[in-house]
N, C-alpha and C. Protein backbone atom coordinates (compact mmCIF):
# COMPACT_ATOMS: atom_id res chain seq x y z
N MET A 1 -10.25 43.19 127.36
CA MET A 1 -9.35 44.33 127.48
C MET A 1 -7.95 43.92 127.05
N THR A 2 -7.32 44.74 126.21
CA THR A 2 -5.99 44.45 125.69
C THR A 2 -4.95 44.52 126.80
N GLU A 3 -4.08 43.51 126.83
CA GLU A 3 -2.97 43.49 127.78
C GLU A 3 -1.67 43.57 126.97
N PHE A 4 -0.97 44.68 127.10
CA PHE A 4 0.29 44.84 126.38
C PHE A 4 1.42 44.18 127.14
N ILE A 5 2.29 43.53 126.39
CA ILE A 5 3.45 42.86 126.98
C ILE A 5 4.68 43.32 126.23
N LEU A 6 5.66 43.81 126.95
CA LEU A 6 6.94 44.18 126.36
C LEU A 6 7.86 42.98 126.43
N ALA A 7 8.27 42.48 125.28
CA ALA A 7 9.14 41.30 125.21
C ALA A 7 10.60 41.75 125.28
N SER A 8 10.96 42.39 126.38
CA SER A 8 12.31 42.91 126.54
C SER A 8 12.58 43.20 128.00
N SER A 9 13.81 42.97 128.41
CA SER A 9 14.21 43.33 129.77
C SER A 9 14.95 44.66 129.79
N SER A 10 15.00 45.34 128.64
CA SER A 10 15.71 46.61 128.55
C SER A 10 15.03 47.68 129.41
N PRO A 11 15.78 48.25 130.36
CA PRO A 11 15.19 49.32 131.17
C PRO A 11 14.86 50.56 130.33
N ARG A 12 15.60 50.77 129.26
CA ARG A 12 15.34 51.93 128.41
C ARG A 12 14.02 51.79 127.66
N ARG A 13 13.75 50.60 127.13
CA ARG A 13 12.47 50.40 126.44
C ARG A 13 11.31 50.50 127.42
N ARG A 14 11.50 49.96 128.61
CA ARG A 14 10.46 50.07 129.64
C ARG A 14 10.16 51.53 129.94
N GLU A 15 11.21 52.33 130.15
CA GLU A 15 11.03 53.76 130.46
C GLU A 15 10.34 54.50 129.32
N LEU A 16 10.67 54.15 128.08
CA LEU A 16 10.06 54.83 126.94
C LEU A 16 8.56 54.53 126.86
N LEU A 17 8.17 53.28 127.07
CA LEU A 17 6.74 52.95 127.04
C LEU A 17 6.00 53.59 128.21
N GLU A 18 6.64 53.65 129.35
CA GLU A 18 6.03 54.33 130.51
C GLU A 18 5.84 55.81 130.20
N GLN A 19 6.79 56.39 129.48
CA GLN A 19 6.76 57.82 129.14
C GLN A 19 5.52 58.19 128.34
N ILE A 20 5.03 57.27 127.50
CA ILE A 20 3.84 57.59 126.69
C ILE A 20 2.56 57.12 127.38
N GLY A 21 2.69 56.59 128.60
CA GLY A 21 1.51 56.23 129.38
C GLY A 21 0.91 54.87 129.06
N LEU A 22 1.62 54.04 128.32
CA LEU A 22 1.10 52.71 127.99
C LEU A 22 1.24 51.80 129.21
N LYS A 23 0.18 51.11 129.56
CA LYS A 23 0.20 50.13 130.66
C LYS A 23 0.61 48.78 130.06
N PHE A 24 1.61 48.16 130.67
CA PHE A 24 2.12 46.91 130.11
C PHE A 24 2.82 46.10 131.20
N SER A 25 3.02 44.83 130.90
CA SER A 25 3.85 43.98 131.75
C SER A 25 5.08 43.57 130.93
N ILE A 26 6.04 42.96 131.60
CA ILE A 26 7.29 42.60 130.93
C ILE A 26 7.46 41.09 130.95
N LEU A 27 7.82 40.54 129.81
CA LEU A 27 8.15 39.13 129.70
C LEU A 27 9.31 39.02 128.71
N ALA A 28 10.51 39.01 129.25
CA ALA A 28 11.70 38.97 128.38
C ALA A 28 11.70 37.70 127.56
N ALA A 29 12.11 37.84 126.31
CA ALA A 29 12.15 36.71 125.39
C ALA A 29 13.55 36.56 124.82
N ASP A 30 14.08 35.36 124.91
CA ASP A 30 15.40 35.11 124.34
C ASP A 30 15.25 34.70 122.88
N ALA A 31 16.14 35.26 122.06
CA ALA A 31 16.15 34.90 120.65
C ALA A 31 17.59 34.89 120.19
N ASP A 32 17.89 34.09 119.19
CA ASP A 32 19.24 34.02 118.63
C ASP A 32 19.56 35.35 117.96
N GLU A 33 20.57 36.04 118.46
CA GLU A 33 20.94 37.35 117.92
C GLU A 33 22.24 37.29 117.15
N SER A 34 22.55 36.14 116.54
CA SER A 34 23.79 36.03 115.78
C SER A 34 23.75 36.96 114.58
N VAL A 35 24.93 37.46 114.23
CA VAL A 35 25.05 38.42 113.13
C VAL A 35 24.66 37.72 111.83
N PRO A 36 23.84 38.38 111.02
CA PRO A 36 23.33 37.73 109.80
C PRO A 36 24.36 37.66 108.69
N ASP A 37 24.02 36.91 107.70
CA ASP A 37 24.78 36.86 106.46
C ASP A 37 24.87 38.29 105.92
N LYS A 38 26.02 38.65 105.35
CA LYS A 38 26.23 40.02 104.85
C LYS A 38 25.20 40.42 103.79
N LYS A 39 24.54 39.45 103.17
CA LYS A 39 23.56 39.76 102.13
C LYS A 39 22.22 40.21 102.71
N THR A 40 22.00 39.93 104.00
CA THR A 40 20.73 40.31 104.62
C THR A 40 20.73 41.81 104.90
N PRO A 41 19.79 42.56 104.34
CA PRO A 41 19.72 44.00 104.64
C PRO A 41 19.49 44.23 106.13
N ILE A 42 20.18 45.21 106.70
CA ILE A 42 20.09 45.49 108.13
C ILE A 42 18.65 45.76 108.54
N ARG A 43 17.92 46.51 107.73
CA ARG A 43 16.53 46.84 108.04
C ARG A 43 15.69 45.57 108.20
N LEU A 44 15.95 44.57 107.38
CA LEU A 44 15.23 43.30 107.46
C LEU A 44 15.71 42.50 108.67
N TYR A 45 17.01 42.49 108.92
CA TYR A 45 17.59 41.75 110.04
C TYR A 45 16.98 42.18 111.38
N VAL A 46 16.88 43.49 111.64
CA VAL A 46 16.35 43.94 112.94
C VAL A 46 14.86 43.63 113.07
N GLN A 47 14.14 43.64 111.95
CA GLN A 47 12.72 43.27 112.00
C GLN A 47 12.58 41.77 112.30
N GLU A 48 13.44 40.96 111.68
CA GLU A 48 13.40 39.51 111.93
C GLU A 48 13.68 39.22 113.40
N LEU A 49 14.69 39.90 113.97
CA LEU A 49 15.01 39.68 115.38
C LEU A 49 13.85 40.08 116.27
N ALA A 50 13.24 41.22 115.98
CA ALA A 50 12.09 41.66 116.77
C ALA A 50 10.95 40.64 116.67
N MET A 51 10.72 40.10 115.47
CA MET A 51 9.66 39.12 115.30
C MET A 51 9.98 37.82 116.04
N LEU A 52 11.25 37.40 116.03
CA LEU A 52 11.65 36.20 116.77
C LEU A 52 11.42 36.39 118.27
N LYS A 53 11.72 37.58 118.78
CA LYS A 53 11.49 37.88 120.20
C LYS A 53 10.00 37.85 120.52
N ALA A 54 9.20 38.45 119.65
CA ALA A 54 7.74 38.45 119.86
C ALA A 54 7.19 37.02 119.84
N ALA A 55 7.67 36.21 118.89
CA ALA A 55 7.20 34.82 118.78
C ALA A 55 7.62 34.01 120.00
N ALA A 56 8.84 34.22 120.50
CA ALA A 56 9.31 33.50 121.69
C ALA A 56 8.43 33.85 122.89
N CYS A 57 8.05 35.10 123.00
CA CYS A 57 7.17 35.55 124.07
C CYS A 57 5.77 34.95 123.89
N ALA A 58 5.29 34.94 122.66
CA ALA A 58 3.95 34.41 122.37
C ALA A 58 3.82 32.95 122.78
N LYS A 59 4.88 32.16 122.58
CA LYS A 59 4.84 30.75 122.96
C LYS A 59 4.55 30.57 124.45
N LYS A 60 5.03 31.53 125.24
CA LYS A 60 4.87 31.44 126.69
C LYS A 60 3.46 31.83 127.16
N ILE A 61 2.75 32.59 126.34
CA ILE A 61 1.47 33.14 126.80
C ILE A 61 0.31 32.89 125.84
N LEU A 62 0.38 31.84 125.07
CA LEU A 62 -0.63 31.58 124.04
C LEU A 62 -2.06 31.54 124.57
N LYS A 63 -2.22 31.21 125.83
CA LYS A 63 -3.58 31.14 126.39
C LYS A 63 -4.16 32.52 126.68
N ASN A 64 -3.33 33.52 126.71
CA ASN A 64 -3.80 34.89 126.99
C ASN A 64 -4.22 35.56 125.68
N LYS A 65 -5.46 35.39 125.32
CA LYS A 65 -5.95 35.90 124.02
C LYS A 65 -6.07 37.42 123.99
N ASN A 66 -5.96 38.08 125.14
CA ASN A 66 -6.03 39.54 125.18
C ASN A 66 -4.66 40.20 125.00
N ALA A 67 -3.61 39.41 124.90
CA ALA A 67 -2.25 39.95 124.87
C ALA A 67 -1.87 40.50 123.50
N VAL A 68 -1.18 41.64 123.55
CA VAL A 68 -0.52 42.22 122.38
C VAL A 68 0.93 42.42 122.77
N ILE A 69 1.82 41.78 122.04
CA ILE A 69 3.25 41.79 122.37
C ILE A 69 3.97 42.86 121.56
N ILE A 70 4.85 43.58 122.24
CA ILE A 70 5.72 44.56 121.58
C ILE A 70 7.16 44.09 121.79
N ALA A 71 7.88 43.90 120.69
CA ALA A 71 9.28 43.48 120.75
C ALA A 71 10.11 44.40 119.87
N ALA A 72 11.39 44.52 120.19
CA ALA A 72 12.27 45.40 119.40
C ALA A 72 13.71 44.92 119.47
N ASP A 73 14.48 45.32 118.49
CA ASP A 73 15.91 45.06 118.50
C ASP A 73 16.62 46.23 117.83
N THR A 74 17.72 46.66 118.44
CA THR A 74 18.47 47.82 117.94
C THR A 74 19.90 47.42 117.63
N VAL A 75 20.40 47.88 116.48
CA VAL A 75 21.82 47.68 116.14
C VAL A 75 22.39 48.99 115.61
N VAL A 76 23.70 49.11 115.78
CA VAL A 76 24.47 50.21 115.23
C VAL A 76 25.27 49.65 114.06
N THR A 77 25.31 50.37 112.94
CA THR A 77 26.11 49.91 111.80
C THR A 77 27.02 51.02 111.31
N LEU A 78 28.19 50.60 110.87
CA LEU A 78 29.16 51.52 110.27
C LEU A 78 29.82 50.78 109.12
N ASP A 79 29.74 51.36 107.94
CA ASP A 79 30.32 50.74 106.74
C ASP A 79 29.85 49.30 106.56
N GLY A 80 28.58 49.04 106.89
CA GLY A 80 28.02 47.71 106.70
C GLY A 80 28.30 46.73 107.82
N GLU A 81 29.13 47.11 108.81
CA GLU A 81 29.42 46.22 109.94
C GLU A 81 28.44 46.49 111.07
N ILE A 82 27.90 45.42 111.64
CA ILE A 82 26.98 45.54 112.76
C ILE A 82 27.75 45.61 114.06
N PHE A 83 27.45 46.62 114.85
CA PHE A 83 28.02 46.76 116.19
C PHE A 83 26.90 46.46 117.18
N GLY A 84 26.90 45.28 117.74
CA GLY A 84 25.93 44.93 118.77
C GLY A 84 26.45 45.37 120.12
N LYS A 85 26.08 44.65 121.16
CA LYS A 85 26.60 44.94 122.50
C LYS A 85 28.04 44.45 122.57
N PRO A 86 28.94 45.21 123.18
CA PRO A 86 30.34 44.79 123.24
C PRO A 86 30.51 43.54 124.10
N ARG A 87 31.43 42.68 123.67
CA ARG A 87 31.74 41.46 124.43
C ARG A 87 32.50 41.77 125.71
N ASP A 88 33.36 42.79 125.64
CA ASP A 88 34.19 43.16 126.79
C ASP A 88 34.68 44.59 126.58
N GLU A 89 35.51 45.09 127.47
CA GLU A 89 35.98 46.48 127.38
C GLU A 89 36.83 46.72 126.14
N GLU A 90 37.60 45.73 125.74
CA GLU A 90 38.42 45.87 124.54
C GLU A 90 37.54 46.03 123.30
N ASP A 91 36.49 45.24 123.23
CA ASP A 91 35.55 45.33 122.11
C ASP A 91 34.84 46.68 122.12
N ALA A 92 34.48 47.17 123.30
CA ALA A 92 33.85 48.50 123.41
C ALA A 92 34.80 49.58 122.88
N GLY A 93 36.08 49.48 123.23
CA GLY A 93 37.06 50.45 122.75
C GLY A 93 37.21 50.41 121.24
N ARG A 94 37.20 49.21 120.68
CA ARG A 94 37.30 49.06 119.23
C ARG A 94 36.13 49.76 118.54
N MET A 95 34.92 49.54 119.06
CA MET A 95 33.73 50.15 118.47
C MET A 95 33.79 51.67 118.57
N LEU A 96 34.09 52.19 119.74
CA LEU A 96 34.10 53.64 119.94
C LEU A 96 35.17 54.32 119.10
N ARG A 97 36.34 53.69 118.94
CA ARG A 97 37.38 54.27 118.08
C ARG A 97 36.92 54.29 116.63
N ALA A 98 36.20 53.24 116.21
CA ALA A 98 35.69 53.19 114.83
C ALA A 98 34.62 54.26 114.60
N LEU A 99 33.78 54.53 115.62
CA LEU A 99 32.69 55.50 115.47
C LEU A 99 33.17 56.94 115.59
N SER A 100 34.35 57.15 116.20
CA SER A 100 34.88 58.49 116.43
C SER A 100 34.98 59.29 115.13
N ASP A 101 34.43 60.51 115.16
CA ASP A 101 34.51 61.46 114.04
C ASP A 101 33.86 60.92 112.76
N ARG A 102 32.86 60.05 112.92
CA ARG A 102 32.17 59.45 111.78
C ARG A 102 30.66 59.50 112.00
N THR A 103 29.93 59.31 110.91
CA THR A 103 28.48 59.17 110.98
C THR A 103 28.13 57.70 110.82
N HIS A 104 27.32 57.19 111.74
CA HIS A 104 26.88 55.80 111.66
C HIS A 104 25.36 55.75 111.68
N GLU A 105 24.82 54.57 111.45
CA GLU A 105 23.38 54.38 111.42
C GLU A 105 22.94 53.54 112.61
N VAL A 106 21.80 53.91 113.16
CA VAL A 106 21.17 53.10 114.21
C VAL A 106 19.83 52.63 113.65
N TYR A 107 19.66 51.31 113.63
CA TYR A 107 18.41 50.72 113.16
C TYR A 107 17.71 50.05 114.34
N THR A 108 16.44 50.32 114.49
CA THR A 108 15.62 49.56 115.44
C THR A 108 14.47 48.93 114.66
N GLY A 109 14.39 47.62 114.77
CA GLY A 109 13.25 46.90 114.23
C GLY A 109 12.28 46.66 115.36
N TYR A 110 11.00 46.80 115.09
CA TYR A 110 10.01 46.49 116.12
C TYR A 110 8.92 45.61 115.52
N CYS A 111 8.28 44.87 116.41
CA CYS A 111 7.23 43.96 115.99
C CYS A 111 6.09 44.02 117.01
N VAL A 112 4.87 44.12 116.51
CA VAL A 112 3.68 44.08 117.37
C VAL A 112 2.88 42.85 116.94
N MET A 113 2.59 41.99 117.92
CA MET A 113 1.91 40.72 117.62
C MET A 113 0.72 40.54 118.56
N ARG A 114 -0.45 40.30 117.96
CA ARG A 114 -1.67 40.09 118.74
C ARG A 114 -1.94 38.59 118.83
N ILE A 115 -2.10 38.08 120.03
CA ILE A 115 -2.30 36.65 120.24
C ILE A 115 -3.65 36.17 119.68
N ARG A 116 -4.70 36.94 119.90
CA ARG A 116 -6.07 36.54 119.54
C ARG A 116 -6.17 36.03 118.11
N ASP A 117 -5.61 36.77 117.16
CA ASP A 117 -5.74 36.38 115.76
C ASP A 117 -4.40 36.23 115.03
N GLY A 118 -3.31 36.38 115.78
CA GLY A 118 -1.99 36.22 115.18
C GLY A 118 -1.53 37.39 114.34
N LYS A 119 -2.29 38.47 114.33
CA LYS A 119 -1.90 39.61 113.52
C LYS A 119 -0.53 40.11 113.97
N THR A 120 0.37 40.29 112.99
CA THR A 120 1.75 40.70 113.27
C THR A 120 2.16 41.79 112.30
N VAL A 121 2.65 42.89 112.85
CA VAL A 121 3.14 43.99 112.03
C VAL A 121 4.56 44.33 112.49
N CYS A 122 5.49 44.32 111.54
CA CYS A 122 6.88 44.64 111.84
C CYS A 122 7.33 45.81 110.97
N SER A 123 8.25 46.60 111.51
CA SER A 123 8.81 47.70 110.75
C SER A 123 10.18 48.04 111.32
N ALA A 124 10.88 48.96 110.67
CA ALA A 124 12.20 49.38 111.16
C ALA A 124 12.37 50.87 110.90
N VAL A 125 13.16 51.50 111.76
CA VAL A 125 13.44 52.92 111.66
C VAL A 125 14.96 53.10 111.70
N LYS A 126 15.46 54.04 110.89
CA LYS A 126 16.89 54.32 110.83
C LYS A 126 17.15 55.76 111.26
N THR A 127 18.18 55.96 112.06
CA THR A 127 18.62 57.28 112.48
C THR A 127 20.11 57.39 112.24
N ASP A 128 20.56 58.52 111.69
CA ASP A 128 21.99 58.76 111.50
C ASP A 128 22.53 59.54 112.68
N VAL A 129 23.66 59.07 113.23
CA VAL A 129 24.28 59.70 114.39
C VAL A 129 25.73 60.00 114.06
N THR A 130 26.16 61.24 114.31
CA THR A 130 27.55 61.64 114.06
C THR A 130 28.24 61.86 115.39
N PHE A 131 29.40 61.23 115.54
CA PHE A 131 30.21 61.38 116.74
C PHE A 131 31.25 62.48 116.58
N LYS A 132 31.60 63.10 117.68
CA LYS A 132 32.75 64.00 117.72
C LYS A 132 34.02 63.17 117.58
N ASN A 133 35.14 63.85 117.39
CA ASN A 133 36.44 63.18 117.38
C ASN A 133 36.79 62.85 118.83
N LEU A 134 36.90 61.57 119.15
CA LEU A 134 37.12 61.13 120.52
C LEU A 134 38.58 60.76 120.77
N THR A 135 39.15 61.30 121.82
CA THR A 135 40.52 60.93 122.19
C THR A 135 40.49 59.57 122.88
N ASP A 136 41.63 58.88 122.89
CA ASP A 136 41.72 57.61 123.59
C ASP A 136 41.40 57.79 125.07
N GLU A 137 41.82 58.92 125.63
CA GLU A 137 41.57 59.20 127.05
C GLU A 137 40.06 59.25 127.33
N LYS A 138 39.31 59.96 126.46
CA LYS A 138 37.86 60.04 126.65
C LYS A 138 37.20 58.68 126.48
N ILE A 139 37.65 57.93 125.49
CA ILE A 139 37.10 56.60 125.27
C ILE A 139 37.34 55.72 126.50
N ASN A 140 38.56 55.76 127.04
CA ASN A 140 38.89 54.93 128.21
C ASN A 140 38.07 55.35 129.44
N ARG A 141 37.89 56.64 129.62
CA ARG A 141 37.08 57.11 130.76
C ARG A 141 35.63 56.67 130.60
N TYR A 142 35.13 56.75 129.38
CA TYR A 142 33.74 56.34 129.13
C TYR A 142 33.57 54.85 129.40
N ILE A 143 34.50 54.05 128.93
CA ILE A 143 34.42 52.60 129.17
C ILE A 143 34.48 52.32 130.67
N ALA A 144 35.35 53.05 131.39
CA ALA A 144 35.48 52.86 132.85
C ALA A 144 34.18 53.19 133.58
N SER A 145 33.32 54.02 132.98
CA SER A 145 32.04 54.36 133.62
C SER A 145 31.10 53.15 133.64
N GLY A 146 31.34 52.18 132.77
CA GLY A 146 30.49 50.99 132.69
C GLY A 146 29.29 51.15 131.77
N GLU A 147 28.99 52.37 131.36
CA GLU A 147 27.79 52.61 130.56
C GLU A 147 27.76 51.87 129.22
N PRO A 148 28.89 51.72 128.53
CA PRO A 148 28.82 51.11 127.19
C PRO A 148 28.52 49.62 127.15
N MET A 149 28.66 48.93 128.27
CA MET A 149 28.74 47.48 128.22
C MET A 149 27.45 46.73 127.85
N ASP A 150 26.30 47.34 128.00
CA ASP A 150 25.06 46.63 127.65
C ASP A 150 24.30 47.32 126.54
N LYS A 151 25.03 48.08 125.72
CA LYS A 151 24.37 48.88 124.69
C LYS A 151 24.94 48.61 123.30
N ALA A 152 24.06 48.54 122.32
CA ALA A 152 24.50 48.38 120.93
C ALA A 152 25.42 49.54 120.55
N GLY A 153 26.53 49.22 119.93
CA GLY A 153 27.48 50.26 119.52
C GLY A 153 28.33 50.77 120.65
N ALA A 154 28.16 50.23 121.85
CA ALA A 154 28.95 50.59 123.03
C ALA A 154 28.74 52.01 123.51
N TYR A 155 27.52 52.54 123.30
CA TYR A 155 27.23 53.86 123.88
C TYR A 155 25.73 54.01 124.12
N GLY A 156 25.43 54.89 125.07
CA GLY A 156 24.04 55.22 125.37
C GLY A 156 23.83 56.71 125.15
N ILE A 157 23.04 57.06 124.16
CA ILE A 157 22.83 58.47 123.82
C ILE A 157 22.07 59.20 124.93
N GLN A 158 21.33 58.45 125.75
CA GLN A 158 20.54 59.07 126.81
C GLN A 158 21.35 59.28 128.09
N GLY A 159 22.62 58.89 128.09
CA GLY A 159 23.46 59.02 129.27
C GLY A 159 24.71 59.84 128.99
N ILE A 160 25.81 59.40 129.59
CA ILE A 160 27.09 60.08 129.39
C ILE A 160 27.46 60.11 127.91
N GLY A 161 27.08 59.06 127.20
CA GLY A 161 27.38 58.96 125.77
C GLY A 161 26.86 60.12 124.94
N SER A 162 25.89 60.86 125.47
CA SER A 162 25.34 62.02 124.74
C SER A 162 26.43 63.05 124.46
N MET A 163 27.45 63.10 125.30
CA MET A 163 28.52 64.09 125.12
C MET A 163 29.43 63.77 123.94
N MET A 164 29.30 62.56 123.39
CA MET A 164 30.13 62.17 122.25
C MET A 164 29.46 62.50 120.92
N VAL A 165 28.18 62.83 120.97
CA VAL A 165 27.38 63.03 119.75
C VAL A 165 27.39 64.49 119.33
N SER A 166 27.73 64.74 118.06
CA SER A 166 27.70 66.12 117.56
C SER A 166 26.44 66.41 116.75
N ARG A 167 25.82 65.35 116.17
CA ARG A 167 24.63 65.58 115.35
C ARG A 167 23.81 64.30 115.25
N ILE A 168 22.51 64.49 115.10
CA ILE A 168 21.61 63.35 114.91
C ILE A 168 20.58 63.73 113.85
N GLU A 169 20.32 62.80 112.95
CA GLU A 169 19.30 63.01 111.92
C GLU A 169 18.31 61.86 112.01
N GLY A 170 17.10 62.17 112.46
CA GLY A 170 16.09 61.14 112.60
C GLY A 170 15.53 61.11 114.01
N ASP A 171 14.96 59.97 114.37
CA ASP A 171 14.26 59.79 115.63
C ASP A 171 15.24 59.51 116.77
N TYR A 172 15.33 60.43 117.72
CA TYR A 172 16.20 60.27 118.90
C TYR A 172 15.84 59.00 119.67
N PHE A 173 14.54 58.76 119.88
CA PHE A 173 14.11 57.61 120.68
C PHE A 173 14.48 56.29 120.01
N ASN A 174 14.62 56.30 118.68
CA ASN A 174 15.09 55.14 117.96
C ASN A 174 16.49 54.75 118.43
N VAL A 175 17.33 55.76 118.67
CA VAL A 175 18.70 55.51 119.12
C VAL A 175 18.69 54.97 120.55
N VAL A 176 17.75 55.43 121.36
CA VAL A 176 17.62 54.94 122.74
C VAL A 176 17.17 53.48 122.73
N GLY A 177 16.38 53.08 121.73
CA GLY A 177 16.00 51.68 121.62
C GLY A 177 14.57 51.38 121.22
N LEU A 178 13.74 52.44 121.01
CA LEU A 178 12.36 52.19 120.60
C LEU A 178 11.82 53.43 119.89
N PRO A 179 11.54 53.35 118.59
CA PRO A 179 11.03 54.51 117.85
C PRO A 179 9.57 54.77 118.21
N LEU A 180 9.37 55.60 119.22
CA LEU A 180 8.03 55.80 119.79
C LEU A 180 7.00 56.27 118.79
N SER A 181 7.35 57.24 117.97
CA SER A 181 6.37 57.79 117.02
C SER A 181 5.88 56.72 116.05
N ALA A 182 6.81 55.97 115.46
CA ALA A 182 6.43 54.92 114.51
C ALA A 182 5.66 53.81 115.20
N LEU A 183 6.08 53.43 116.41
CA LEU A 183 5.37 52.40 117.15
C LEU A 183 3.95 52.84 117.47
N CYS A 184 3.78 54.07 117.92
CA CYS A 184 2.43 54.57 118.23
C CYS A 184 1.55 54.59 116.99
N ASP A 185 2.12 54.99 115.85
CA ASP A 185 1.36 54.96 114.59
C ASP A 185 0.88 53.54 114.29
N THR A 186 1.76 52.57 114.48
CA THR A 186 1.40 51.18 114.22
C THR A 186 0.30 50.71 115.16
N LEU A 187 0.43 51.03 116.45
CA LEU A 187 -0.58 50.62 117.43
C LEU A 187 -1.94 51.25 117.12
N GLU A 188 -1.93 52.51 116.73
CA GLU A 188 -3.20 53.20 116.44
C GLU A 188 -3.81 52.72 115.12
N ARG A 189 -2.99 52.65 114.09
CA ARG A 189 -3.50 52.31 112.76
C ARG A 189 -3.85 50.82 112.60
N GLU A 190 -2.99 49.95 113.14
CA GLU A 190 -3.15 48.51 112.90
C GLU A 190 -3.83 47.75 114.03
N PHE A 191 -3.79 48.32 115.26
CA PHE A 191 -4.30 47.58 116.41
C PHE A 191 -5.35 48.36 117.21
N ASP A 192 -5.91 49.38 116.59
CA ASP A 192 -7.01 50.17 117.19
C ASP A 192 -6.73 50.56 118.64
N THR A 193 -5.52 51.03 118.89
CA THR A 193 -5.13 51.44 120.23
C THR A 193 -4.93 52.95 120.26
N GLU A 194 -5.71 53.62 121.05
CA GLU A 194 -5.58 55.08 121.17
C GLU A 194 -4.50 55.36 122.22
N ILE A 195 -3.39 55.92 121.77
CA ILE A 195 -2.29 56.22 122.69
C ILE A 195 -2.50 57.56 123.36
N PHE A 196 -2.88 58.54 122.57
CA PHE A 196 -3.02 59.91 123.11
C PHE A 196 -4.24 60.55 122.51
């Protein structure tokens, strides 16, 4: 029997997988998330990070031949600059001011890895998100809420941050941190897993 493992401690990814009824356990995996060389395409970078997380998790559970690992990584980009999780409140403010009244891209790379035979499938999804024009007062209040501090791009679309968004083009769940539709397609097509 297949045992799914989420290689992430993200509560948002956990909630999304629970939402589709997938039974899984959690085994967070640490991977080097340093910003890549500017020549590395963002779509490739997030897939590489997801694969590194899956591989780090696989090392811990190699004896579990029934395991299928799901790993993901999400970044926000604007004008080619990657906005990861803010280092501090000042960094969060810098990111939010840059995103104000602009359209940015959210990329999530995901990787599914089966221990039994090493089969690995990685992909990435992009969503365009447009922010309203944000005043410094709103940015400061949002930062004071604490919500931006553990999120790529310093905002959470599923929380208070939703009030800053004027438009979205693409997969909403991708912005939350896991492109459910694409992931389910991969699980069904490549790993013979019936989700629904």
